[in-house]
Amino acid sequence: MGLSREHVVCMMIIIMAMGMFGESLASSSLHKVGGSAGWTTLGNVDYQKWTSSDIFTPGDSLLFVYNTQFHNVKQVSRRDFLSCNATSALATYNSGSDTVALKKPGHYYFLCGFPGHCQAGQKLHVLVVATSTASSSLSPDLSPAPSPSIGSSPSPSPATASEDSAQNGAISVSLSTAMSGVVVFVVALMLH
């Protein structure tokens, strides 16, 4: 099967685009909120300390795992976060295993809407930094910021996922194996 120059160029563009797509996904992480403890009031989990042990970048996701009989997740404004007010939530999650995409840089605020839970410390502030500034060490503060993005996205389905040994429970998503297979297939097709 002979390929024209246009076909070869088109396939090379596809390969390069897939490589860039794979690299961007490979750097995203799924962070299990609270590590092994999860989203709870038990065990005195310090969510502020948990967020300070990692850097969050656009494309990352938070995974809230909890018992739905006792907890939920409310994404709220900074003002509602500071006052533990869950009545005007920007988004509400209640499946017991909620994935929330951190789509763009900024401050994201979450709390449990069950009475007394936020006051007991079940609240989370995450600062998402642009990937160019992610290499510098930043600690989250509670300064005003643009409203957080709303919504959730399905859990990533990585070709391979390895458990991060850090205490924060992050899962790094790596697509290099799958991308290598695709590149080999396309090159083989081109040479055929």
Protein backbone atom coordinates (compact mmCIF):
# COMPACT_ATOMS: atom_id res chain seq x y z
CA MET A 1 0.00 0.00 0.00
CA GLY A 2 1.65 3.21 -1.15
CA LEU A 3 0.93 6.38 0.74
CA SER A 4 1.01 9.79 -0.85
CA ARG A 5 3.13 12.57 0.62
CA GLU A 6 -0.09 14.20 1.93
CA HIS A 7 -1.04 11.01 3.80
CA VAL A 8 2.40 10.77 5.39
CA VAL A 9 2.31 14.42 6.47
CA CYS A 10 -1.21 13.99 7.86
CA MET A 11 -0.15 10.91 9.85
CA MET A 12 2.90 12.72 11.23
CA ILE A 13 0.68 15.57 12.40
CA ILE A 14 -1.65 13.07 14.09
CA ILE A 15 1.31 11.38 15.79
CA MET A 16 2.65 14.70 17.08
CA ALA A 17 -0.81 15.76 18.30
CA MET A 18 -1.29 12.45 20.08
CA GLY A 19 2.11 12.86 21.71
CA MET A 20 1.21 16.32 23.00
CA PHE A 21 -2.19 15.05 24.18
CA GLY A 22 -0.56 12.14 25.96
CA GLU A 23 1.96 14.42 27.69
CA SER A 24 -0.76 16.74 28.94
CA LEU A 25 -2.78 13.85 30.35
CA ALA A 26 0.29 12.17 31.79
CA SER A 27 0.93 15.15 34.03
CA SER A 28 -2.59 15.24 35.50
CA SER A 29 -3.33 13.56 38.82
CA LEU A 30 -6.34 12.25 40.67
CA HIS A 31 -6.00 13.31 44.32
CA LYS A 32 -7.97 11.31 46.88
CA VAL A 33 -9.09 13.97 49.35
CA GLY A 34 -7.77 13.22 52.83
CA GLY A 35 -5.57 10.38 51.61
CA SER A 36 -6.47 7.00 53.12
CA ALA A 37 -8.89 8.61 55.63
CA GLY A 38 -11.04 10.10 52.85
CA TRP A 39 -13.72 12.76 53.36
CA THR A 40 -14.75 12.39 56.99
CA THR A 41 -14.99 13.94 60.43
CA LEU A 42 -13.41 10.88 62.04
CA GLY A 43 -9.71 10.77 62.85
CA ASN A 44 -9.25 14.54 62.96
CA VAL A 45 -8.09 14.82 59.34
CA ASP A 46 -6.39 18.17 58.76
CA TYR A 47 -7.49 19.00 55.20
CA GLN A 48 -5.44 22.21 55.13
CA LYS A 49 -2.32 20.21 55.93
CA TRP A 50 -3.32 17.63 53.30
CA THR A 51 -3.56 20.29 50.56
CA SER A 52 -0.23 21.83 51.56
CA SER A 53 1.57 18.54 50.86
CA ASP A 54 0.93 18.75 47.11
CA ILE A 55 0.66 21.14 44.18
CA PHE A 56 -2.58 21.15 42.22
CA THR A 57 -2.57 22.11 38.53
CA PRO A 58 -5.26 22.47 35.84
CA GLY A 59 -6.32 19.04 34.64
CA ASP A 60 -6.01 17.47 38.08
CA SER A 61 -9.10 16.06 39.78
CA LEU A 62 -10.19 15.62 43.37
CA LEU A 63 -11.76 12.34 44.46
CA PHE A 64 -14.05 12.63 47.48
CA VAL A 65 -14.75 9.21 49.04
CA TYR A 66 -17.23 9.11 51.94
CA ASN A 67 -20.27 7.45 53.52
CA THR A 68 -23.39 9.07 52.01
CA GLN A 69 -25.39 8.50 55.22
CA PHE A 70 -23.18 10.96 57.05
CA HIS A 71 -21.50 13.23 54.49
CA ASN A 72 -21.79 15.09 51.19
CA VAL A 73 -19.65 17.57 49.30
CA LYS A 74 -20.67 21.16 48.63
CA GLN A 75 -18.56 23.41 46.43
CA VAL A 76 -18.99 26.91 47.82
CA SER A 77 -17.76 30.48 47.54
CA ARG A 78 -14.91 31.79 49.68
CA ARG A 79 -17.36 33.67 51.90
CA ASP A 80 -19.50 30.56 52.47
CA PHE A 81 -16.35 28.50 53.10
CA LEU A 82 -15.18 30.91 55.82
CA SER A 83 -18.60 30.96 57.51
CA CYS A 84 -19.36 27.23 56.96
CA ASN A 85 -22.53 28.12 55.05
CA ALA A 86 -23.70 25.27 52.81
CA THR A 87 -27.09 26.77 51.87
CA SER A 88 -25.99 28.47 48.63
CA ALA A 89 -23.66 25.86 47.20
CA LEU A 90 -22.25 26.34 43.71
CA ALA A 91 -22.38 22.56 43.22
CA THR A 92 -23.48 19.61 45.34
CA TYR A 93 -22.08 16.09 45.18
CA ASN A 94 -23.57 13.15 47.04
CA SER A 95 -22.61 9.86 45.37
CA GLY A 96 -20.02 8.83 47.97
CA SER A 97 -17.31 8.73 45.30
CA ASP A 98 -17.26 12.09 43.55
CA THR A 99 -14.63 13.23 41.08
CA VAL A 100 -14.33 17.00 40.71
CA ALA A 101 -12.22 18.36 37.86
CA LEU A 102 -9.91 21.28 38.60
CA LYS A 103 -10.13 22.79 35.14
CA LYS A 104 -8.40 26.14 35.59
CA PRO A 105 -6.14 27.99 38.02
CA GLY A 106 -7.78 29.56 41.04
CA HIS A 107 -9.19 28.83 44.47
CA TYR A 108 -11.68 25.99 45.00
CA TYR A 109 -13.65 25.67 48.24
CA PHE A 110 -15.51 22.60 49.51
CA LEU A 111 -17.27 21.64 52.72
CA CYS A 112 -19.57 18.97 54.10
CA GLY A 113 -23.15 20.23 54.29
CA PHE A 114 -24.16 18.05 57.25
CA PRO A 115 -24.76 20.16 60.40
CA GLY A 116 -21.61 20.74 62.43
CA HIS A 117 -19.23 18.93 60.07
CA CYS A 118 -17.67 22.03 58.52
CA GLN A 119 -17.22 23.57 61.96
CA ALA A 120 -15.49 20.32 63.02
CA GLY A 121 -12.95 20.78 60.19
CA GLN A 122 -14.53 18.94 57.26
CA LYS A 123 -13.77 21.67 54.75
CA LEU A 124 -11.21 21.95 51.99
CA HIS A 125 -9.53 24.86 50.22
CA VAL A 126 -7.48 23.96 47.13
CA LEU A 127 -5.31 26.41 45.22
CA VAL A 128 -4.82 25.37 41.60
CA VAL A 129 -1.73 26.96 40.06
CA ALA A 130 -0.87 27.38 36.40
CA THR A 131 1.49 24.67 35.19
CA SER A 132 4.24 27.23 34.54
CA THR A 133 4.21 28.23 38.23
CA ALA A 134 3.69 24.72 39.57
CA SER A 135 7.41 24.18 39.95
CA SER A 136 7.66 26.91 42.55
CA SER A 137 6.60 26.11 46.09
CA LEU A 138 3.28 27.78 46.86
CA SER A 139 1.17 27.59 49.99
CA PRO A 140 -2.57 28.19 49.70
CA ASP A 141 -4.04 31.29 51.28
CA LEU A 142 -7.58 32.52 51.63
CA SER A 143 -7.23 35.65 49.53
CA PRO A 144 -10.04 36.57 47.14
CA ALA A 145 -9.94 34.90 43.77
CA PRO A 146 -12.16 34.34 40.75
CA SER A 147 -15.10 32.01 41.28
CA PRO A 148 -14.17 28.34 41.00
CA SER A 149 -15.27 26.34 37.99
CA ILE A 150 -18.27 24.15 38.60
CA GLY A 151 -18.98 20.56 37.75
CA SER A 152 -17.41 17.20 37.67
CA SER A 153 -15.98 15.05 34.99
CA PRO A 154 -15.73 11.31 34.75
CA SER A 155 -12.77 9.66 36.34
CA PRO A 156 -9.80 9.41 34.03
CA SER A 157 -9.25 5.97 32.55
CA PRO A 158 -5.48 5.74 32.34
CA ALA A 159 -3.69 3.00 30.49
CA THR A 160 -1.60 2.61 33.60
CA ALA A 161 -2.02 4.18 37.01
CA SER A 162 0.45 3.87 39.83
CA GLU A 163 -0.34 4.61 43.46
CA ASP A 164 1.71 7.54 44.66
CA SER A 165 3.60 6.68 47.81
CA ALA A 166 3.07 10.18 49.19
CA GLN A 167 0.64 10.57 52.07
CA ASN A 168 -1.81 12.62 49.99
CA GLY A 169 -3.02 9.61 47.98
CA ALA A 170 -2.47 11.10 44.54
CA ILE A 171 -2.64 8.82 41.52
CA SER A 172 -0.45 9.78 38.59
CA VAL A 173 -1.93 9.15 35.19
CA SER A 174 0.49 7.77 32.63
CA LEU A 175 -0.39 7.12 29.03
CA SER A 176 3.09 6.53 27.68
CA THR A 177 2.56 2.80 27.15
CA ALA A 178 -0.67 3.30 25.21
CA MET A 179 0.78 6.17 23.19
CA SER A 180 3.86 4.11 22.30
CA GLY A 181 1.62 1.35 20.98
CA VAL A 182 -0.35 3.78 18.84
CA VAL A 183 2.82 5.35 17.43
CA VAL A 184 4.24 1.91 16.56
CA PHE A 185 0.97 0.96 14.86
CA VAL A 186 0.83 4.17 12.79
CA VAL A 187 4.50 3.90 11.77
CA ALA A 188 3.97 0.26 10.78
CA LEU A 189 0.93 1.30 8.75
CA MET A 190 2.96 4.00 7.01
CA LEU A 191 5.73 1.58 6.11
CA HIS A 192 3.34 -1.06 4.80
